[in-house]
Amino acid sequence: MTGEVTRAEVGAPVTAYHRGGLWALANLRGTPLAEVELPAPAVFDSDDPAVTPDRPKPGRVRLAPQQALLPAAR
């Protein structure tokens, strides 16, 4: 994977970074249920072990306090 890590705006209070097609999104501020549109299907969810590369989570999601997602474009 090449390129620099870039901070992205996806909607307050979610913190987001990406490098190519890999993203990291987290609700670090503790705001309850921060809602965002995922830039790509999530292949990891810190609060849902059922989310995997084979069973990604697409679309609009709500992040609980301290929840993190890793969306990845295929």
PDB file of N, CA and C in Angstrom:
ATOM      1  N   MET A   1       0.848  -1.166   0.000  1.00  0.00           N
ATOM      2  CA  MET A   1       0.000   0.000   0.000  1.00  0.00           C
ATOM      3  C   MET A   1       0.893   1.228   0.000  1.00  0.00           C
ATOM      4  N   THR A   2       0.602   2.158  -0.852  1.00  0.00           N
ATOM      5  CA  THR A   2       1.412   3.360  -0.941  1.00  0.00           C
ATOM      6  C   THR A   2       0.568   4.572  -0.591  1.00  0.00           C
ATOM      7  N   GLY A   3       1.243   5.677  -0.391  1.00  0.00           N
ATOM      8  CA  GLY A   3       0.543   6.914  -0.095  1.00  0.00           C
ATOM      9  C   GLY A   3       0.632   7.275   1.369  1.00  0.00           C
ATOM     10  N   GLU A   4       0.245   8.511   1.632  1.00  0.00           N
ATOM     11  CA  GLU A   4       0.284   9.024   2.994  1.00  0.00           C
ATOM     12  C   GLU A   4      -1.045   8.811   3.693  1.00  0.00           C
ATOM     13  N   VAL A   5      -0.990   8.771   5.008  1.00  0.00           N
ATOM     14  CA  VAL A   5      -2.202   8.714   5.812  1.00  0.00           C
ATOM     15  C   VAL A   5      -2.793  10.120   5.841  1.00  0.00           C
ATOM     16  N   THR A   6      -4.088  10.213   5.540  1.00  0.00           N
ATOM     17  CA  THR A   6      -4.771  11.496   5.448  1.00  0.00           C
ATOM     18  C   THR A   6      -5.963  11.524   6.382  1.00  0.00           C
ATOM     19  N   ARG A   7      -6.112  12.630   7.110  1.00  0.00           N
ATOM     20  CA  ARG A   7      -7.300  12.792   7.943  1.00  0.00           C
ATOM     21  C   ARG A   7      -8.452  13.205   7.040  1.00  0.00           C
ATOM     22  N   ALA A   8      -9.632  12.663   7.291  1.00  0.00           N
ATOM     23  CA  ALA A   8     -10.804  12.948   6.467  1.00  0.00           C
ATOM     24  C   ALA A   8     -11.960  13.415   7.332  1.00  0.00           C
ATOM     25  N   GLU A   9     -12.812  14.247   6.764  1.00  0.00           N
ATOM     26  CA  GLU A   9     -14.019  14.704   7.436  1.00  0.00           C
ATOM     27  C   GLU A   9     -15.178  13.808   7.009  1.00  0.00           C
ATOM     28  N   VAL A  10     -15.760  13.084   7.939  1.00  0.00           N
ATOM     29  CA  VAL A  10     -16.918  12.244   7.638  1.00  0.00           C
ATOM     30  C   VAL A  10     -18.137  12.653   8.446  1.00  0.00           C
ATOM     31  N   GLY A  11     -17.951  13.547   9.383  1.00  0.00           N
ATOM     32  CA  GLY A  11     -19.038  14.032  10.230  1.00  0.00           C
ATOM     33  C   GLY A  11     -18.642  14.005  11.687  1.00  0.00           C
ATOM     34  N   ALA A  12     -18.842  15.130  12.356  1.00  0.00           N
ATOM     35  CA  ALA A  12     -18.509  15.232  13.776  1.00  0.00           C
ATOM     36  C   ALA A  12     -19.426  14.306  14.559  1.00  0.00           C
ATOM     37  N   PRO A  13     -18.956  13.708  15.607  1.00  0.00           N
ATOM     38  CA  PRO A  13     -17.651  13.781  16.250  1.00  0.00           C
ATOM     39  C   PRO A  13     -16.723  12.632  15.847  1.00  0.00           C
ATOM     40  N   VAL A  14     -16.948  12.036  14.712  1.00  0.00           N
ATOM     41  CA  VAL A  14     -16.161  10.874  14.300  1.00  0.00           C
ATOM     42  C   VAL A  14     -14.795  11.307  13.768  1.00  0.00           C
ATOM     43  N   THR A  15     -13.748  10.642  14.232  1.00  0.00           N
ATOM     44  CA  THR A  15     -12.396  10.861  13.747  1.00  0.00           C
ATOM     45  C   THR A  15     -12.127   9.842  12.651  1.00  0.00           C
ATOM     46  N   ALA A  16     -11.601  10.290  11.515  1.00  0.00           N
ATOM     47  CA  ALA A  16     -11.379   9.376  10.387  1.00  0.00           C
ATOM     48  C   ALA A  16     -10.042   9.652   9.713  1.00  0.00           C
ATOM     49  N   TYR A  17      -9.383   8.583   9.346  1.00  0.00           N
ATOM     50  CA  TYR A  17      -8.144   8.644   8.583  1.00  0.00           C
ATOM     51  C   TYR A  17      -8.234   7.623   7.470  1.00  0.00           C
ATOM     52  N   HIS A  18      -7.517   7.876   6.371  1.00  0.00           N
ATOM     53  CA  HIS A  18      -7.459   6.864   5.318  1.00  0.00           C
ATOM     54  C   HIS A  18      -6.117   6.890   4.625  1.00  0.00           C
ATOM     55  N   ARG A  19      -5.810   5.752   4.064  1.00  0.00           N
ATOM     56  CA  ARG A  19      -4.603   5.574   3.241  1.00  0.00           C
ATOM     57  C   ARG A  19      -5.037   4.674   2.091  1.00  0.00           C
ATOM     58  N   GLY A  20      -5.170   5.263   0.920  1.00  0.00           N
ATOM     59  CA  GLY A  20      -5.708   4.515  -0.203  1.00  0.00           C
ATOM     60  C   GLY A  20      -7.142   4.117   0.088  1.00  0.00           C
ATOM     61  N   GLY A  21      -7.457   2.839  -0.075  1.00  0.00           N
ATOM     62  CA  GLY A  21      -8.815   2.356   0.154  1.00  0.00           C
ATOM     63  C   GLY A  21      -9.094   1.884   1.566  1.00  0.00           C
ATOM     64  N   LEU A  22      -8.110   1.965   2.472  1.00  0.00           N
ATOM     65  CA  LEU A  22      -8.301   1.544   3.860  1.00  0.00           C
ATOM     66  C   LEU A  22      -8.593   2.753   4.725  1.00  0.00           C
ATOM     67  N   TRP A  23      -9.646   2.656   5.510  1.00  0.00           N
ATOM     68  CA  TRP A  23     -10.083   3.742   6.389  1.00  0.00           C
ATOM     69  C   TRP A  23     -10.063   3.274   7.838  1.00  0.00           C
ATOM     70  N   ALA A  24      -9.989   4.225   8.757  1.00  0.00           N
ATOM     71  CA  ALA A  24     -10.173   3.980  10.186  1.00  0.00           C
ATOM     72  C   ALA A  24     -11.092   5.077  10.702  1.00  0.00           C
ATOM     73  N   LEU A  25     -12.225   4.681  11.267  1.00  0.00           N
ATOM     74  CA  LEU A  25     -13.191   5.632  11.821  1.00  0.00           C
ATOM     75  C   LEU A  25     -13.419   5.293  13.286  1.00  0.00           C
ATOM     76  N   ALA A  26     -13.474   6.308  14.144  1.00  0.00           N
ATOM     77  CA  ALA A  26     -13.704   6.069  15.563  1.00  0.00           C
ATOM     78  C   ALA A  26     -14.476   7.224  16.175  1.00  0.00           C
ATOM     79  N   ASN A  27     -15.350   6.887  17.124  1.00  0.00           N
ATOM     80  CA  ASN A  27     -16.074   7.875  17.919  1.00  0.00           C
ATOM     81  C   ASN A  27     -15.295   8.021  19.222  1.00  0.00           C
ATOM     82  N   LEU A  28     -14.280   8.875  19.212  1.00  0.00           N
ATOM     83  CA  LEU A  28     -13.390   9.015  20.363  1.00  0.00           C
ATOM     84  C   LEU A  28     -13.912   9.953  21.436  1.00  0.00           C
ATOM     85  N   ARG A  29     -14.855  10.782  21.100  1.00  0.00           N
ATOM     86  CA  ARG A  29     -15.329  11.790  22.056  1.00  0.00           C
ATOM     87  C   ARG A  29     -16.373  11.281  23.025  1.00  0.00           C
ATOM     88  N   GLY A  30     -16.910  10.105  22.805  1.00  0.00           N
ATOM     89  CA  GLY A  30     -17.914   9.581  23.711  1.00  0.00           C
ATOM     90  C   GLY A  30     -19.318  10.075  23.416  1.00  0.00           C
ATOM     91  N   THR A  31     -19.504  10.739  22.287  1.00  0.00           N
ATOM     92  CA  THR A  31     -20.843  11.183  21.901  1.00  0.00           C
ATOM     93  C   THR A  31     -21.687   9.957  21.584  1.00  0.00           C
ATOM     94  N   PRO A  32     -22.851   9.826  22.206  1.00  0.00           N
ATOM     95  CA  PRO A  32     -23.649   8.633  21.941  1.00  0.00           C
ATOM     96  C   PRO A  32     -24.139   8.575  20.501  1.00  0.00           C
ATOM     97  N   LEU A  33     -23.961   7.428  19.893  1.00  0.00           N
ATOM     98  CA  LEU A  33     -24.498   7.112  18.570  1.00  0.00           C
ATOM     99  C   LEU A  33     -24.237   8.167  17.510  1.00  0.00           C
ATOM    100  N   ALA A  34     -22.982   8.412  17.230  1.00  0.00           N
ATOM    101  CA  ALA A  34     -22.595   9.306  16.152  1.00  0.00           C
ATOM    102  C   ALA A  34     -22.891   8.600  14.833  1.00  0.00           C
ATOM    103  N   GLU A  35     -23.656   9.228  13.937  1.00  0.00           N
ATOM    104  CA  GLU A  35     -24.076   8.587  12.695  1.00  0.00           C
ATOM    105  C   GLU A  35     -23.270   9.097  11.509  1.00  0.00           C
ATOM    106  N   VAL A  36     -22.762   8.164  10.693  1.00  0.00           N
ATOM    107  CA  VAL A  36     -21.975   8.514   9.509  1.00  0.00           C
ATOM    108  C   VAL A  36     -22.281   7.542   8.371  1.00  0.00           C
ATOM    109  N   GLU A  37     -22.025   8.005   7.150  1.00  0.00           N
ATOM    110  CA  GLU A  37     -22.088   7.156   5.966  1.00  0.00           C
ATOM    111  C   GLU A  37     -20.695   6.576   5.768  1.00  0.00           C
ATOM    112  N   LEU A  38     -20.589   5.267   5.695  1.00  0.00           N
ATOM    113  CA  LEU A  38     -19.284   4.642   5.509  1.00  0.00           C
ATOM    114  C   LEU A  38     -18.758   4.913   4.102  1.00  0.00           C
ATOM    115  N   PRO A  39     -17.464   5.232   3.983  1.00  0.00           N
ATOM    116  CA  PRO A  39     -16.875   5.463   2.669  1.00  0.00           C
ATOM    117  C   PRO A  39     -16.676   4.169   1.879  1.00  0.00           C
ATOM    118  N   ALA A  40     -16.711   3.037   2.565  1.00  0.00           N
ATOM    119  CA  ALA A  40     -16.588   1.700   1.980  1.00  0.00           C
ATOM    120  C   ALA A  40     -17.140   0.728   3.023  1.00  0.00           C
ATOM    121  N   PRO A  41     -17.476  -0.496   2.648  1.00  0.00           N
ATOM    122  CA  PRO A  41     -17.967  -1.451   3.647  1.00  0.00           C
ATOM    123  C   PRO A  41     -16.923  -1.709   4.744  1.00  0.00           C
ATOM    124  N   ALA A  42     -17.391  -1.771   5.993  1.00  0.00           N
ATOM    125  CA  ALA A  42     -16.496  -2.033   7.125  1.00  0.00           C
ATOM    126  C   ALA A  42     -16.159  -3.520   7.187  1.00  0.00           C
ATOM    127  N   VAL A  43     -14.880  -3.836   7.348  1.00  0.00           N
ATOM    128  CA  VAL A  43     -14.428  -5.221   7.472  1.00  0.00           C
ATOM    129  C   VAL A  43     -14.042  -5.559   8.913  1.00  0.00           C
ATOM    130  N   PHE A  44     -14.091  -4.551   9.801  1.00  0.00           N
ATOM    131  CA  PHE A  44     -13.847  -4.740  11.236  1.00  0.00           C
ATOM    132  C   PHE A  44     -14.707  -3.750  11.995  1.00  0.00           C
ATOM    133  N   ASP A  45     -15.315  -4.235  13.072  1.00  0.00           N
ATOM    134  CA  ASP A  45     -16.119  -3.387  13.964  1.00  0.00           C
ATOM    135  C   ASP A  45     -15.761  -3.785  15.382  1.00  0.00           C
ATOM    136  N   SER A  46     -15.253  -2.838  16.169  1.00  0.00           N
ATOM    137  CA  SER A  46     -14.819  -3.149  17.534  1.00  0.00           C
ATOM    138  C   SER A  46     -15.964  -3.637  18.413  1.00  0.00           C
ATOM    139  N   ASP A  47     -17.204  -3.331  18.055  1.00  0.00           N
ATOM    140  CA  ASP A  47     -18.357  -3.721  18.872  1.00  0.00           C
ATOM    141  C   ASP A  47     -19.163  -4.878  18.287  1.00  0.00           C
ATOM    142  N   ASP A  48     -18.781  -5.403  17.126  1.00  0.00           N
ATOM    143  CA  ASP A  48     -19.562  -6.457  16.473  1.00  0.00           C
ATOM    144  C   ASP A  48     -18.631  -7.492  15.844  1.00  0.00           C
ATOM    145  N   PRO A  49     -18.371  -8.610  16.538  1.00  0.00           N
ATOM    146  CA  PRO A  49     -17.452  -9.616  16.016  1.00  0.00           C
ATOM    147  C   PRO A  49     -17.969 -10.317  14.754  1.00  0.00           C
ATOM    148  N   ALA A  50     -19.241 -10.138  14.410  1.00  0.00           N
ATOM    149  CA  ALA A  50     -19.786 -10.760  13.199  1.00  0.00           C
ATOM    150  C   ALA A  50     -19.327 -10.045  11.932  1.00  0.00           C
ATOM    151  N   VAL A  51     -18.796  -8.824  12.065  1.00  0.00           N
ATOM    152  CA  VAL A  51     -18.312  -8.080  10.897  1.00  0.00           C
ATOM    153  C   VAL A  51     -16.914  -8.590  10.550  1.00  0.00           C
ATOM    154  N   THR A  52     -16.775  -9.094   9.319  1.00  0.00           N
ATOM    155  CA  THR A  52     -15.512  -9.652   8.844  1.00  0.00           C
ATOM    156  C   THR A  52     -15.336  -9.263   7.378  1.00  0.00           C
ATOM    157  N   PRO A  53     -14.163  -9.502   6.800  1.00  0.00           N
ATOM    158  CA  PRO A  53     -14.009  -9.251   5.365  1.00  0.00           C
ATOM    159  C   PRO A  53     -15.012 -10.045   4.516  1.00  0.00           C
ATOM    160  N   ASP A  54     -15.405 -11.224   5.000  1.00  0.00           N
ATOM    161  CA  ASP A  54     -16.395 -12.021   4.272  1.00  0.00           C
ATOM    162  C   ASP A  54     -17.828 -11.578   4.539  1.00  0.00           C
ATOM    163  N   ARG A  55     -18.053 -10.855   5.646  1.00  0.00           N
ATOM    164  CA  ARG A  55     -19.387 -10.334   5.988  1.00  0.00           C
ATOM    165  C   ARG A  55     -19.254  -8.874   6.403  1.00  0.00           C
ATOM    166  N   PRO A  56     -18.969  -7.997   5.439  1.00  0.00           N
ATOM    167  CA  PRO A  56     -18.762  -6.579   5.763  1.00  0.00           C
ATOM    168  C   PRO A  56     -20.069  -5.873   6.127  1.00  0.00           C
ATOM    169  N   LYS A  57     -19.913  -4.727   6.773  1.00  0.00           N
ATOM    170  CA  LYS A  57     -21.049  -3.884   7.160  1.00  0.00           C
ATOM    171  C   LYS A  57     -21.059  -2.665   6.237  1.00  0.00           C
ATOM    172  N   PRO A  58     -22.058  -2.537   5.360  1.00  0.00           N
ATOM    173  CA  PRO A  58     -22.115  -1.394   4.438  1.00  0.00           C
ATOM    174  C   PRO A  58     -23.044  -0.295   4.942  1.00  0.00           C
ATOM    175  N   GLY A  59     -23.019   0.836   4.235  1.00  0.00           N
ATOM    176  CA  GLY A  59     -24.035   1.884   4.411  1.00  0.00           C
ATOM    177  C   GLY A  59     -23.809   2.856   5.541  1.00  0.00           C
ATOM    178  N   ARG A  60     -24.922   3.351   6.071  1.00  0.00           N
ATOM    179  CA  ARG A  60     -24.924   4.350   7.142  1.00  0.00           C
ATOM    180  C   ARG A  60     -24.937   3.620   8.470  1.00  0.00           C
ATOM    181  N   VAL A  61     -24.070   4.022   9.398  1.00  0.00           N
ATOM    182  CA  VAL A  61     -23.965   3.351  10.692  1.00  0.00           C
ATOM    183  C   VAL A  61     -23.950   4.371  11.822  1.00  0.00           C
ATOM    184  N   ARG A  62     -24.224   3.878  13.005  1.00  0.00           N
ATOM    185  CA  ARG A  62     -24.116   4.691  14.223  1.00  0.00           C
ATOM    186  C   ARG A  62     -22.990   4.123  15.061  1.00  0.00           C
ATOM    187  N   LEU A  63     -22.054   4.981  15.408  1.00  0.00           N
ATOM    188  CA  LEU A  63     -20.932   4.563  16.238  1.00  0.00           C
ATOM    189  C   LEU A  63     -21.197   4.946  17.683  1.00  0.00           C
ATOM    190  N   ALA A  64     -21.134   3.963  18.561  1.00  0.00           N
ATOM    191  CA  ALA A  64     -21.268   4.193  19.994  1.00  0.00           C
ATOM    192  C   ALA A  64     -19.979   4.823  20.512  1.00  0.00           C
ATOM    193  N   PRO A  65     -19.999   5.368  21.726  1.00  0.00           N
ATOM    194  CA  PRO A  65     -18.761   5.911  22.297  1.00  0.00           C
ATOM    195  C   PRO A  65     -17.656   4.863  22.299  1.00  0.00           C
ATOM    196  N   GLN A  66     -16.468   5.263  21.853  1.00  0.00           N
ATOM    197  CA  GLN A  66     -15.272   4.424  21.818  1.00  0.00           C
ATOM    198  C   GLN A  66     -15.346   3.296  20.796  1.00  0.00           C
ATOM    199  N   GLN A  67     -16.339   3.285  19.919  1.00  0.00           N
ATOM    200  CA  GLN A  67     -16.446   2.261  18.866  1.00  0.00           C
ATOM    201  C   GLN A  67     -15.581   2.664  17.680  1.00  0.00           C
ATOM    202  N   ALA A  68     -14.970   1.661  17.033  1.00  0.00           N
ATOM    203  CA  ALA A  68     -14.128   1.897  15.856  1.00  0.00           C
ATOM    204  C   ALA A  68     -14.512   0.940  14.737  1.00  0.00           C
ATOM    205  N   LEU A  69     -14.384   1.427  13.507  1.00  0.00           N
ATOM    206  CA  LEU A  69     -14.644   0.622  12.310  1.00  0.00           C
ATOM    207  C   LEU A  69     -13.466   0.756  11.352  1.00  0.00           C
ATOM    208  N   LEU A  70     -13.222  -0.295  10.582  1.00  0.00           N
ATOM    209  CA  LEU A  70     -12.208  -0.253   9.526  1.00  0.00           C
ATOM    210  C   LEU A  70     -12.893  -0.560   8.186  1.00  0.00           C
ATOM    211  N   PRO A  71     -13.351   0.463   7.478  1.00  0.00           N
ATOM    212  CA  PRO A  71     -13.878   0.248   6.123  1.00  0.00           C
ATOM    213  C   PRO A  71     -12.728   0.043   5.148  1.00  0.00           C
ATOM    214  N   ALA A  72     -12.957  -0.817   4.159  1.00  0.00           N
ATOM    215  CA  ALA A  72     -11.912  -1.068   3.150  1.00  0.00           C
ATOM    216  C   ALA A  72     -12.554  -1.286   1.795  1.00  0.00           C
ATOM    217  N   ALA A  73     -12.078  -0.539   0.809  1.00  0.00           N
ATOM    218  CA  ALA A  73     -12.533  -0.728  -0.568  1.00  0.00           C
ATOM    219  C   ALA A  73     -11.856  -1.956  -1.131  1.00  0.00           C
ATOM    220  N   ARG A  74     -12.586  -2.741  -1.861  1.00  0.00           N
ATOM    221  CA  ARG A  74     -12.014  -3.968  -2.456  1.00  0.00           C
ATOM    222  C   ARG A  74     -11.404  -3.680  -3.775  1.00  0.00           C
TER     223      ARG A  74
END
